[in-house]
Protein backbone atom coordinates (compact mmCIF):
# COMPACT_ATOMS: atom_id res chain seq x y z
CA MET A 1 50.44 33.18 -140.78
CA LYS A 2 51.53 36.39 -139.50
CA VAL A 3 51.49 36.99 -136.03
CA ASP A 4 51.74 40.30 -134.55
CA GLN A 5 51.83 41.81 -130.86
CA LYS A 6 50.62 44.67 -129.60
CA GLY A 7 50.87 45.07 -125.67
CA HIS A 8 48.06 42.95 -124.76
CA THR A 9 46.41 42.49 -127.86
CA VAL A 10 47.85 39.52 -130.67
CA THR A 11 46.87 40.16 -134.35
CA ILE A 12 46.94 37.01 -136.26
CA LYS A 13 46.98 37.52 -139.92
CA ASP A 14 46.08 35.02 -143.05
CA THR A 15 49.00 35.48 -144.99
CA GLN A 16 48.72 32.51 -147.70
CA GLY A 17 44.71 32.81 -148.88
CA ASP A 18 43.75 29.11 -147.67
CA PHE A 19 41.35 29.61 -145.04
CA ASN A 20 40.62 26.08 -143.83
CA ALA A 21 44.06 25.97 -143.59
CA PHE A 22 44.29 29.10 -141.66
CA LEU A 23 41.58 28.53 -139.16
CA GLU A 24 43.40 24.71 -138.72
CA LYS A 25 46.49 26.77 -137.87
CA VAL A 26 44.93 29.01 -135.47
CA THR A 27 42.85 26.35 -133.49
CA GLN A 28 46.09 24.50 -132.94
CA GLN A 29 48.18 27.25 -131.75
CA PHE A 30 44.99 28.82 -129.89
CA LYS A 31 46.95 27.72 -126.52
CA THR A 32 49.40 29.97 -127.18
CA PHE A 33 46.93 33.34 -127.84
CA GLU A 34 44.53 32.95 -124.87
CA LYS A 35 45.68 34.77 -122.37
CA GLN A 36 45.08 38.23 -124.73
CA ASN A 37 42.97 39.57 -126.48
CA ILE A 38 42.84 38.63 -130.27
CA ILE A 39 41.80 39.96 -133.91
CA ILE A 40 41.92 37.27 -136.92
CA ASP A 41 42.59 39.74 -139.51
CA LEU A 42 41.08 38.24 -143.10
CA SER A 43 40.85 41.59 -144.44
CA ALA A 44 42.90 40.57 -147.42
CA ASP A 45 41.04 37.32 -148.17
CA THR A 46 38.30 38.92 -150.28
CA ASP A 47 36.21 35.50 -150.34
CA VAL A 48 35.54 35.07 -147.24
CA SER A 49 31.95 34.13 -146.06
CA GLU A 50 29.58 34.27 -143.33
CA LYS A 51 29.63 30.88 -143.06
CA GLU A 52 33.76 30.66 -142.75
CA VAL A 53 33.48 33.35 -140.12
CA LYS A 54 31.03 31.21 -138.00
CA LEU A 55 33.54 28.48 -137.53
CA PHE A 56 35.50 30.95 -135.27
CA LEU A 57 32.64 30.83 -132.93
CA PRO A 58 34.26 28.17 -130.50
CA LEU A 59 37.24 29.95 -130.36
CA ALA A 60 35.40 33.04 -129.41
CA LYS A 61 33.80 31.77 -127.03
CA GLN A 62 36.82 30.41 -125.04
CA GLN A 63 37.95 34.20 -125.71
CA LYS A 64 34.77 35.66 -124.15
CA LYS A 65 35.03 32.82 -120.88
CA ALA A 66 38.38 34.40 -120.23
CA LYS A 67 37.62 37.74 -120.01
CA LYS A 68 39.20 38.62 -123.33
CA SER A 69 38.02 39.94 -126.27
CA PHE A 70 38.44 37.94 -129.96
CA VAL A 71 37.47 40.03 -133.03
CA ILE A 72 37.32 38.97 -136.77
CA VAL A 73 38.50 41.84 -139.51
CA VAL A 74 36.49 40.93 -142.67
CA SER A 75 36.52 43.89 -145.36
CA ASP A 76 33.82 42.82 -147.91
CA LEU A 77 31.07 41.06 -145.26
CA ASP A 78 27.26 41.78 -144.69
CA PHE A 79 27.72 42.01 -140.71
CA ASN A 80 24.38 41.99 -140.20
CA ALA A 81 24.19 38.08 -141.19
CA VAL A 82 26.96 37.38 -138.97
CA SER A 83 25.85 35.76 -135.52
CA ASP A 84 25.51 38.16 -132.15
CA LYS A 85 28.10 36.24 -130.42
CA LEU A 86 30.85 37.19 -133.08
CA LEU A 87 32.59 40.48 -133.07
CA VAL A 88 32.94 41.34 -136.77
CA VAL A 89 34.83 44.71 -138.02
CA PRO A 90 35.46 46.59 -141.38
CA SER A 91 39.28 47.57 -140.27
CA LEU A 92 41.73 46.85 -137.88
CA LEU A 93 41.29 50.29 -136.51
CA GLU A 94 37.77 49.56 -135.40
CA ALA A 95 39.13 46.34 -133.89
CA HIS A 96 41.55 47.99 -131.54
CA ASP A 97 39.08 50.58 -130.51
CA ILE A 98 36.57 47.73 -129.75
CA ILE A 99 39.11 45.95 -127.54
CA GLU A 100 39.98 49.05 -125.90
CA MET A 101 36.44 49.68 -125.25
CA GLU A 102 35.70 45.88 -123.66
CA GLU A 103 39.03 46.58 -121.48
CA ILE A 104 37.66 49.44 -120.28
CA GLU A 105 34.01 47.76 -119.50
CA ARG A 106 36.28 45.00 -117.70
CA ASP A 107 38.09 47.04 -115.58
CA LEU A 108 34.50 48.87 -114.35
CA GLY A 109 33.47 45.23 -113.59
CA PHE A 110 30.11 45.00 -116.35
């Protein structure tokens, strides 16, 4: 697991290709990152399924309650099959753009 912090956003990248171990590590260390926007970068893992992505839903809900963003980057996935409660995008650039838009919305009181 690689953690990269840039400003108010933390990017967590799976470096081992073991999805279940990665999910467990992120869940265990979630308190460390909960005050920041989080990007989960699964773009290197080509075998990620919709079911696996949905396992991040509890963490995404916690972030939304804390008024922070939670975005998952997956390069090869049917984005229509994923729950509307999860933000899933195909690239890191889009993830950063979404976080910027959500920050602006929160600043404006939406």
